[in-house]
Every structure is written in C-alpha cells, then in structure tokens.
N, C-alpha and C. Protein backbone atom coordinates (compact mmCIF):
# COMPACT_ATOMS: atom_id res chain seq x y z
N UNK A 1 -11.38 -17.01 94.72
CA UNK A 1 -10.49 -16.23 93.88
C UNK A 1 -10.57 -16.77 92.46
N UNK A 2 -10.66 -15.87 91.49
CA UNK A 2 -10.76 -16.27 90.09
C UNK A 2 -9.41 -16.66 89.51
N UNK A 3 -9.47 -17.37 88.42
CA UNK A 3 -8.26 -17.76 87.71
C UNK A 3 -8.13 -16.84 86.52
N UNK A 4 -7.00 -16.15 86.43
CA UNK A 4 -6.77 -15.22 85.35
C UNK A 4 -5.88 -15.85 84.30
N UNK A 5 -6.00 -15.45 83.02
CA UNK A 5 -5.20 -16.08 81.96
C UNK A 5 -3.72 -15.86 82.14
N UNK A 6 -3.32 -14.86 82.90
CA UNK A 6 -1.90 -14.58 83.07
C UNK A 6 -1.32 -15.21 84.33
N UNK A 7 -2.12 -15.96 85.09
CA UNK A 7 -1.63 -16.63 86.29
C UNK A 7 -1.74 -18.12 86.17
N UNK A 8 -0.68 -18.83 86.46
CA UNK A 8 -0.71 -20.29 86.39
C UNK A 8 -1.59 -20.83 87.51
N UNK A 9 -2.35 -21.89 87.20
CA UNK A 9 -3.22 -22.48 88.21
C UNK A 9 -2.80 -23.90 88.55
N UNK A 10 -1.58 -24.28 88.17
CA UNK A 10 -1.14 -25.65 88.42
C UNK A 10 -0.12 -25.73 89.55
N UNK A 11 0.02 -24.65 90.31
CA UNK A 11 0.93 -24.67 91.45
C UNK A 11 2.37 -24.35 91.12
N UNK A 12 2.68 -24.21 89.82
CA UNK A 12 4.05 -23.91 89.43
C UNK A 12 4.31 -22.42 89.55
N UNK A 13 5.53 -22.09 89.90
CA UNK A 13 5.94 -20.70 89.86
C UNK A 13 6.12 -20.32 88.41
N UNK A 14 5.77 -19.10 88.05
CA UNK A 14 5.88 -18.70 86.65
C UNK A 14 7.32 -18.40 86.24
N UNK A 15 8.20 -18.11 87.19
CA UNK A 15 9.60 -17.83 86.88
C UNK A 15 10.45 -18.69 87.80
N UNK A 16 10.62 -19.96 87.44
CA UNK A 16 11.30 -20.89 88.32
C UNK A 16 12.78 -21.04 88.01
N UNK A 17 13.27 -20.28 87.05
CA UNK A 17 14.69 -20.36 86.73
C UNK A 17 15.05 -21.56 85.89
N UNK A 18 14.10 -22.42 85.60
CA UNK A 18 14.35 -23.60 84.78
C UNK A 18 14.31 -23.21 83.31
N UNK A 19 15.08 -23.89 82.49
CA UNK A 19 15.00 -23.69 81.06
C UNK A 19 13.70 -24.29 80.56
N UNK A 20 13.09 -23.64 79.57
CA UNK A 20 11.89 -24.23 78.98
C UNK A 20 12.30 -25.31 77.99
N UNK A 21 11.32 -26.06 77.52
CA UNK A 21 11.58 -27.18 76.62
C UNK A 21 10.88 -26.92 75.31
N UNK A 22 11.58 -27.13 74.20
CA UNK A 22 10.96 -26.90 72.90
C UNK A 22 10.13 -28.11 72.48
N UNK A 23 9.49 -28.03 71.29
CA UNK A 23 8.60 -29.10 70.82
C UNK A 23 9.29 -30.44 70.66
N UNK A 24 10.59 -30.43 70.43
CA UNK A 24 11.32 -31.68 70.26
C UNK A 24 11.90 -32.18 71.57
N UNK A 25 11.60 -31.51 72.69
CA UNK A 25 12.09 -31.94 73.99
C UNK A 25 13.44 -31.37 74.35
N UNK A 26 14.00 -30.52 73.50
CA UNK A 26 15.29 -29.92 73.80
C UNK A 26 15.14 -28.68 74.65
N UNK A 27 16.21 -28.30 75.30
CA UNK A 27 16.20 -27.13 76.17
C UNK A 27 16.26 -25.86 75.35
N UNK A 28 15.49 -24.86 75.78
CA UNK A 28 15.48 -23.57 75.12
C UNK A 28 15.89 -22.52 76.13
N UNK A 29 16.86 -21.71 75.79
CA UNK A 29 17.26 -20.60 76.64
C UNK A 29 17.29 -19.37 75.75
N UNK A 30 16.12 -18.71 75.60
CA UNK A 30 15.97 -17.62 74.66
C UNK A 30 16.61 -16.33 75.15
N UNK A 31 16.69 -16.14 76.47
CA UNK A 31 17.26 -14.91 76.99
C UNK A 31 16.61 -13.69 76.38
N UNK A 32 17.42 -12.82 75.85
CA UNK A 32 16.91 -11.59 75.26
C UNK A 32 16.95 -11.61 73.74
N UNK A 33 16.94 -12.79 73.15
CA UNK A 33 16.98 -12.93 71.70
C UNK A 33 15.60 -12.55 71.15
N UNK A 34 15.53 -11.59 70.22
CA UNK A 34 14.22 -11.20 69.67
C UNK A 34 13.57 -12.34 68.88
N UNK A 35 12.23 -12.36 68.84
CA UNK A 35 11.52 -13.43 68.14
C UNK A 35 11.95 -13.60 66.69
N UNK A 36 12.27 -12.51 66.00
CA UNK A 36 12.65 -12.61 64.59
C UNK A 36 13.94 -13.41 64.41
N UNK A 37 14.82 -13.39 65.41
CA UNK A 37 16.05 -14.18 65.35
C UNK A 37 15.81 -15.62 65.78
N UNK A 38 14.85 -15.84 66.69
CA UNK A 38 14.54 -17.21 67.13
C UNK A 38 13.74 -17.97 66.08
N UNK A 39 13.04 -17.24 65.20
CA UNK A 39 12.16 -17.85 64.20
C UNK A 39 12.44 -17.25 62.82
N UNK A 40 13.63 -17.47 62.27
CA UNK A 40 13.98 -16.84 61.00
C UNK A 40 13.14 -17.29 59.81
N UNK A 41 12.52 -18.48 59.89
CA UNK A 41 11.72 -18.97 58.77
C UNK A 41 10.23 -18.63 58.90
N UNK A 42 9.86 -17.82 59.90
CA UNK A 42 8.47 -17.42 60.08
C UNK A 42 8.07 -16.42 59.01
N UNK A 43 6.81 -16.48 58.59
CA UNK A 43 6.31 -15.52 57.61
C UNK A 43 5.78 -14.25 58.29
N UNK A 44 5.38 -14.37 59.57
CA UNK A 44 4.87 -13.22 60.32
C UNK A 44 5.02 -13.49 61.81
N UNK A 45 5.41 -12.48 62.56
CA UNK A 45 5.52 -12.58 64.01
C UNK A 45 4.81 -11.38 64.62
N UNK A 46 3.87 -11.65 65.53
CA UNK A 46 3.15 -10.59 66.24
C UNK A 46 3.37 -10.76 67.74
N UNK A 47 3.82 -9.70 68.39
CA UNK A 47 3.98 -9.74 69.84
C UNK A 47 2.77 -9.07 70.47
N UNK A 48 2.01 -9.86 71.25
CA UNK A 48 0.80 -9.38 71.88
C UNK A 48 0.99 -9.34 73.40
N UNK A 49 -0.07 -8.95 74.13
CA UNK A 49 0.02 -8.80 75.57
C UNK A 49 0.32 -10.10 76.30
N UNK A 50 -0.30 -11.19 75.88
CA UNK A 50 -0.15 -12.44 76.61
C UNK A 50 0.60 -13.51 75.83
N UNK A 51 1.36 -13.08 74.82
CA UNK A 51 2.17 -14.04 74.09
C UNK A 51 2.56 -13.55 72.71
N UNK A 52 3.34 -14.36 72.04
CA UNK A 52 3.79 -14.05 70.68
C UNK A 52 3.19 -15.07 69.73
N UNK A 53 2.66 -14.58 68.62
CA UNK A 53 2.09 -15.43 67.57
C UNK A 53 3.10 -15.50 66.44
N UNK A 54 3.51 -16.71 66.10
CA UNK A 54 4.47 -16.92 65.03
C UNK A 54 3.79 -17.74 63.94
N UNK A 55 3.72 -17.18 62.74
CA UNK A 55 3.06 -17.84 61.62
C UNK A 55 4.12 -18.37 60.67
N UNK A 56 4.04 -19.65 60.37
CA UNK A 56 4.91 -20.30 59.40
C UNK A 56 4.07 -20.68 58.19
N UNK A 57 4.67 -21.25 57.19
CA UNK A 57 3.92 -21.64 55.99
C UNK A 57 3.03 -22.86 56.23
N UNK A 58 3.31 -23.64 57.29
CA UNK A 58 2.55 -24.87 57.53
C UNK A 58 2.02 -25.02 58.95
N UNK A 59 2.20 -24.00 59.79
CA UNK A 59 1.77 -24.09 61.19
C UNK A 59 1.76 -22.71 61.83
N UNK A 60 1.15 -22.67 63.01
CA UNK A 60 1.13 -21.46 63.84
C UNK A 60 1.68 -21.84 65.20
N UNK A 61 2.52 -20.99 65.74
CA UNK A 61 3.11 -21.24 67.07
C UNK A 61 2.68 -20.10 67.99
N UNK A 62 2.26 -20.45 69.19
CA UNK A 62 1.93 -19.47 70.22
C UNK A 62 2.92 -19.66 71.36
N UNK A 63 3.71 -18.63 71.62
CA UNK A 63 4.65 -18.65 72.75
C UNK A 63 4.11 -17.72 73.81
N UNK A 64 3.83 -18.25 74.97
CA UNK A 64 3.20 -17.49 76.05
C UNK A 64 4.22 -16.73 76.89
N UNK A 65 3.77 -15.63 77.47
CA UNK A 65 4.58 -14.91 78.44
C UNK A 65 4.64 -15.75 79.71
N UNK A 66 5.63 -15.50 80.55
CA UNK A 66 5.85 -16.32 81.74
C UNK A 66 4.64 -16.33 82.69
N UNK A 67 3.88 -15.25 82.73
CA UNK A 67 2.76 -15.16 83.68
C UNK A 67 1.50 -15.88 83.21
N UNK A 68 1.51 -16.43 81.99
CA UNK A 68 0.33 -17.08 81.43
C UNK A 68 0.06 -18.43 82.09
N UNK A 69 -1.20 -18.78 82.20
CA UNK A 69 -1.56 -20.10 82.73
C UNK A 69 -1.54 -21.15 81.62
N UNK A 70 -1.40 -20.71 80.37
CA UNK A 70 -1.35 -21.62 79.24
C UNK A 70 0.09 -21.87 78.82
N UNK A 71 0.32 -23.04 78.24
CA UNK A 71 1.65 -23.39 77.75
C UNK A 71 1.82 -22.96 76.31
N UNK A 72 3.06 -22.91 75.85
CA UNK A 72 3.35 -22.68 74.44
C UNK A 72 2.76 -23.84 73.65
N UNK A 73 2.37 -23.56 72.41
CA UNK A 73 1.82 -24.65 71.60
C UNK A 73 2.01 -24.36 70.12
N UNK A 74 2.00 -25.44 69.35
CA UNK A 74 2.08 -25.37 67.90
C UNK A 74 0.82 -25.98 67.32
N UNK A 75 0.22 -25.30 66.34
CA UNK A 75 -1.00 -25.76 65.71
C UNK A 75 -0.72 -25.99 64.23
N UNK A 76 -0.79 -27.25 63.77
CA UNK A 76 -0.58 -27.53 62.34
C UNK A 76 -1.68 -26.89 61.49
N UNK A 77 -1.33 -26.49 60.28
CA UNK A 77 -2.28 -25.81 59.38
C UNK A 77 -3.53 -26.65 59.14
N UNK A 78 -3.38 -27.97 59.03
CA UNK A 78 -4.54 -28.81 58.73
C UNK A 78 -5.51 -28.95 59.90
N UNK A 79 -5.16 -28.43 61.08
CA UNK A 79 -6.06 -28.44 62.23
C UNK A 79 -6.75 -27.10 62.46
N UNK A 80 -6.42 -26.10 61.64
CA UNK A 80 -7.01 -24.77 61.80
C UNK A 80 -8.30 -24.69 60.99
N UNK A 81 -9.41 -24.40 61.69
CA UNK A 81 -10.70 -24.32 61.02
C UNK A 81 -11.17 -22.88 60.82
N UNK A 82 -10.51 -21.93 61.45
CA UNK A 82 -10.90 -20.54 61.29
C UNK A 82 -10.15 -19.64 62.24
N UNK A 83 -10.42 -18.35 62.14
CA UNK A 83 -9.81 -17.33 62.99
C UNK A 83 -10.91 -16.38 63.43
N UNK A 84 -10.96 -16.09 64.72
CA UNK A 84 -11.89 -15.09 65.24
C UNK A 84 -11.06 -13.88 65.64
N UNK A 85 -11.31 -12.75 65.02
CA UNK A 85 -10.58 -11.52 65.30
C UNK A 85 -11.55 -10.44 65.72
N UNK A 86 -11.32 -9.86 66.88
CA UNK A 86 -12.11 -8.71 67.34
C UNK A 86 -11.12 -7.63 67.74
N UNK A 87 -11.20 -6.49 67.07
CA UNK A 87 -10.23 -5.42 67.33
C UNK A 87 -10.53 -4.67 68.62
N UNK A 88 -11.75 -4.70 69.09
CA UNK A 88 -12.10 -4.11 70.38
C UNK A 88 -11.87 -2.61 70.46
N UNK A 89 -12.45 -1.99 71.47
CA UNK A 89 -12.28 -0.57 71.69
C UNK A 89 -10.92 -0.31 72.34
N UNK A 90 -10.60 -1.06 73.37
CA UNK A 90 -9.30 -0.91 74.02
C UNK A 90 -8.45 -2.16 73.88
N UNK A 91 -9.04 -3.32 74.12
CA UNK A 91 -8.33 -4.60 74.02
C UNK A 91 -9.04 -5.46 72.99
N UNK A 92 -8.27 -6.03 72.08
CA UNK A 92 -8.82 -6.93 71.09
C UNK A 92 -8.27 -8.33 71.30
N UNK A 93 -8.75 -9.25 70.51
CA UNK A 93 -8.24 -10.63 70.62
C UNK A 93 -8.23 -11.30 69.26
N UNK A 94 -7.37 -12.29 69.14
CA UNK A 94 -7.29 -13.17 67.99
C UNK A 94 -7.34 -14.59 68.52
N UNK A 95 -8.32 -15.36 68.06
CA UNK A 95 -8.48 -16.74 68.51
C UNK A 95 -8.35 -17.67 67.32
N UNK A 96 -7.38 -18.58 67.40
CA UNK A 96 -7.20 -19.59 66.36
C UNK A 96 -8.19 -20.72 66.65
N UNK A 97 -9.09 -20.97 65.72
CA UNK A 97 -10.07 -22.04 65.90
C UNK A 97 -9.44 -23.33 65.41
N UNK A 98 -9.26 -24.26 66.34
CA UNK A 98 -8.56 -25.52 66.07
C UNK A 98 -9.51 -26.69 66.25
N UNK A 99 -9.43 -27.65 65.33
CA UNK A 99 -10.25 -28.86 65.45
C UNK A 99 -9.96 -29.53 66.79
N UNK A 100 -11.00 -29.88 67.52
CA UNK A 100 -10.84 -30.57 68.79
C UNK A 100 -10.64 -29.67 70.00
N UNK A 101 -10.55 -28.35 69.79
CA UNK A 101 -10.40 -27.40 70.91
C UNK A 101 -11.65 -26.54 70.94
N UNK A 102 -12.38 -26.58 72.06
CA UNK A 102 -13.62 -25.79 72.14
C UNK A 102 -13.34 -24.30 71.96
N UNK A 103 -14.19 -23.63 71.17
CA UNK A 103 -14.09 -22.19 70.97
C UNK A 103 -14.68 -21.50 72.19
N UNK A 104 -13.97 -20.51 72.72
CA UNK A 104 -14.47 -19.74 73.85
C UNK A 104 -15.04 -18.44 73.32
N UNK A 105 -16.28 -18.15 73.67
CA UNK A 105 -16.92 -16.94 73.15
C UNK A 105 -16.88 -15.80 74.15
N UNK A 106 -16.32 -15.99 75.33
CA UNK A 106 -16.28 -14.93 76.32
C UNK A 106 -17.65 -14.71 76.92
N UNK A 107 -17.85 -13.54 77.46
CA UNK A 107 -19.13 -13.22 78.08
C UNK A 107 -19.59 -11.84 77.66
N UNK A 108 -20.60 -11.34 78.33
CA UNK A 108 -21.16 -10.04 77.99
C UNK A 108 -20.10 -8.94 78.04
N UNK A 109 -19.28 -8.93 79.07
CA UNK A 109 -18.27 -7.89 79.22
C UNK A 109 -16.85 -8.45 79.23
N UNK A 110 -16.66 -9.64 78.70
CA UNK A 110 -15.32 -10.23 78.71
C UNK A 110 -14.98 -10.87 77.38
N UNK A 111 -13.69 -10.86 77.08
CA UNK A 111 -13.19 -11.49 75.86
C UNK A 111 -12.97 -12.98 76.12
N UNK A 112 -12.91 -13.77 75.05
CA UNK A 112 -12.64 -15.20 75.23
C UNK A 112 -11.24 -15.42 75.80
N UNK A 113 -11.11 -16.49 76.57
CA UNK A 113 -9.82 -16.88 77.13
C UNK A 113 -9.71 -18.39 76.98
N UNK A 114 -8.81 -18.82 76.09
CA UNK A 114 -8.49 -20.23 76.00
C UNK A 114 -7.07 -20.37 75.48
N UNK A 115 -6.61 -21.58 75.31
CA UNK A 115 -5.22 -21.82 74.93
C UNK A 115 -4.86 -21.30 73.55
N UNK A 116 -5.85 -20.98 72.72
CA UNK A 116 -5.60 -20.51 71.35
C UNK A 116 -5.93 -19.03 71.16
N UNK A 117 -6.09 -18.28 72.25
CA UNK A 117 -6.47 -16.87 72.17
C UNK A 117 -5.35 -15.98 72.67
N UNK A 118 -5.08 -14.93 71.91
CA UNK A 118 -4.10 -13.91 72.30
C UNK A 118 -4.79 -12.55 72.31
N UNK A 119 -4.44 -11.71 73.27
CA UNK A 119 -5.05 -10.40 73.41
C UNK A 119 -4.04 -9.31 73.06
N UNK A 120 -4.54 -8.19 72.53
CA UNK A 120 -3.66 -7.11 72.12
C UNK A 120 -4.33 -5.76 72.34
N UNK A 121 -3.50 -4.73 72.49
CA UNK A 121 -3.98 -3.36 72.60
C UNK A 121 -4.10 -2.76 71.21
N UNK A 122 -4.39 -1.47 71.17
CA UNK A 122 -4.58 -0.79 69.89
C UNK A 122 -3.37 -0.94 68.97
N UNK A 123 -2.18 -0.95 69.54
CA UNK A 123 -0.97 -1.06 68.74
C UNK A 123 -0.82 -2.40 68.04
N UNK A 124 -1.56 -3.41 68.45
CA UNK A 124 -1.45 -4.74 67.87
C UNK A 124 -2.49 -5.05 66.80
N UNK A 125 -3.38 -4.11 66.54
CA UNK A 125 -4.48 -4.36 65.59
C UNK A 125 -4.00 -4.70 64.19
N UNK A 126 -3.04 -3.93 63.68
CA UNK A 126 -2.58 -4.15 62.31
C UNK A 126 -1.93 -5.52 62.16
N UNK A 127 -1.07 -5.88 63.12
CA UNK A 127 -0.41 -7.19 63.05
C UNK A 127 -1.43 -8.31 63.18
N UNK A 128 -2.42 -8.13 64.05
CA UNK A 128 -3.47 -9.15 64.22
C UNK A 128 -4.25 -9.33 62.92
N UNK A 129 -4.54 -8.24 62.22
CA UNK A 129 -5.26 -8.33 60.94
C UNK A 129 -4.41 -9.05 59.89
N UNK A 130 -3.12 -8.72 59.85
CA UNK A 130 -2.21 -9.41 58.93
C UNK A 130 -2.14 -10.89 59.26
N UNK A 131 -2.07 -11.21 60.55
CA UNK A 131 -1.99 -12.61 60.98
C UNK A 131 -3.24 -13.36 60.56
N UNK A 132 -4.40 -12.76 60.74
CA UNK A 132 -5.66 -13.41 60.34
C UNK A 132 -5.62 -13.77 58.85
N UNK A 133 -5.24 -12.81 58.03
CA UNK A 133 -5.18 -13.03 56.58
C UNK A 133 -4.17 -14.13 56.24
N UNK A 134 -2.99 -14.05 56.85
CA UNK A 134 -1.92 -15.02 56.58
C UNK A 134 -2.33 -16.44 57.02
N UNK A 135 -2.90 -16.55 58.21
CA UNK A 135 -3.28 -17.87 58.73
C UNK A 135 -4.40 -18.48 57.90
N UNK A 136 -5.40 -17.69 57.54
CA UNK A 136 -6.51 -18.22 56.75
C UNK A 136 -6.04 -18.67 55.37
N UNK A 137 -5.13 -17.93 54.75
CA UNK A 137 -4.63 -18.35 53.43
C UNK A 137 -3.79 -19.61 53.55
N UNK A 138 -3.01 -19.73 54.62
CA UNK A 138 -2.18 -20.92 54.84
C UNK A 138 -3.05 -22.13 55.18
N UNK A 139 -4.07 -21.93 56.00
CA UNK A 139 -4.92 -23.04 56.43
C UNK A 139 -5.78 -23.57 55.29
N UNK A 140 -6.12 -22.72 54.35
CA UNK A 140 -6.96 -23.13 53.23
C UNK A 140 -6.16 -23.71 52.08
N UNK A 141 -4.81 -23.63 52.21
CA UNK A 141 -3.94 -24.22 51.20
C UNK A 141 -3.77 -23.31 50.07
C-alpha cells in the first residue's frame, strides 16, 4: 500500500481529539477561527487543498490539514532559496525551496510531495501566484 500525502504514516490517528501544539510549545485550540483571525500580522494567507500557507514579513508558516502526513512548520526567510510554482491543468502546486530540505521534483505523471509543498485547484492559482511573489521578495530582503 502506498503512502499518500494526506495520510499519516506514523501510526497516529489524524483526529485524536488532542490539542495541537504551537511553535512555542503552547496548546492551540483553533476550532472554527478563520486563519485571518489566527494570524492578524500575516501579509498573505492562502488556503489550499492540503494546508494553509501563511506569509509573514520574516517567515512562512505551513499549517497542514488533519489528514496530512506532514506536520505544521515555520520556515525563516533566510532559509528560503526559491519557490517552485506550477499552476497545472487541474491541480497545481507551490513548493518552498528551503536550505537543507531536498527538493522533490515529482514524477512523469505526479506532482512533488514533500513537507514544503502545498497543492491547489484552479481556484487557488491567483493566491499561489501572489504567494510566490510575496515570498521571493521577502526572502531576497
């Protein structure tokens, strides 16, 4: 059986009723609070199929959906080396290229899947393009 990006492979249930933990180790109980209220200082927020991309002036945050096999993560601007954006015919992706994290190029008929990649449908193309521009300008200083 294959491992899919939306299924955890570490034996954990994806909805265990436990509160998640933020970057500082504190408990997070987001409930139904929209991302714009959880991240008021963000410059851009894009909600994609497998997570939410939050762009700040000095970092990028990826918050994964519960079914993802990847954890939430924060990438400091000085670790971002580039952005790979493919709008795709039906599904596109945005991959944050981070120093020390191998870039996944996907395959002949598949998109890349790694901890820094988010996928989106046609409705997410504009936000993904804005995110690419915003992240590259922030990462380059």
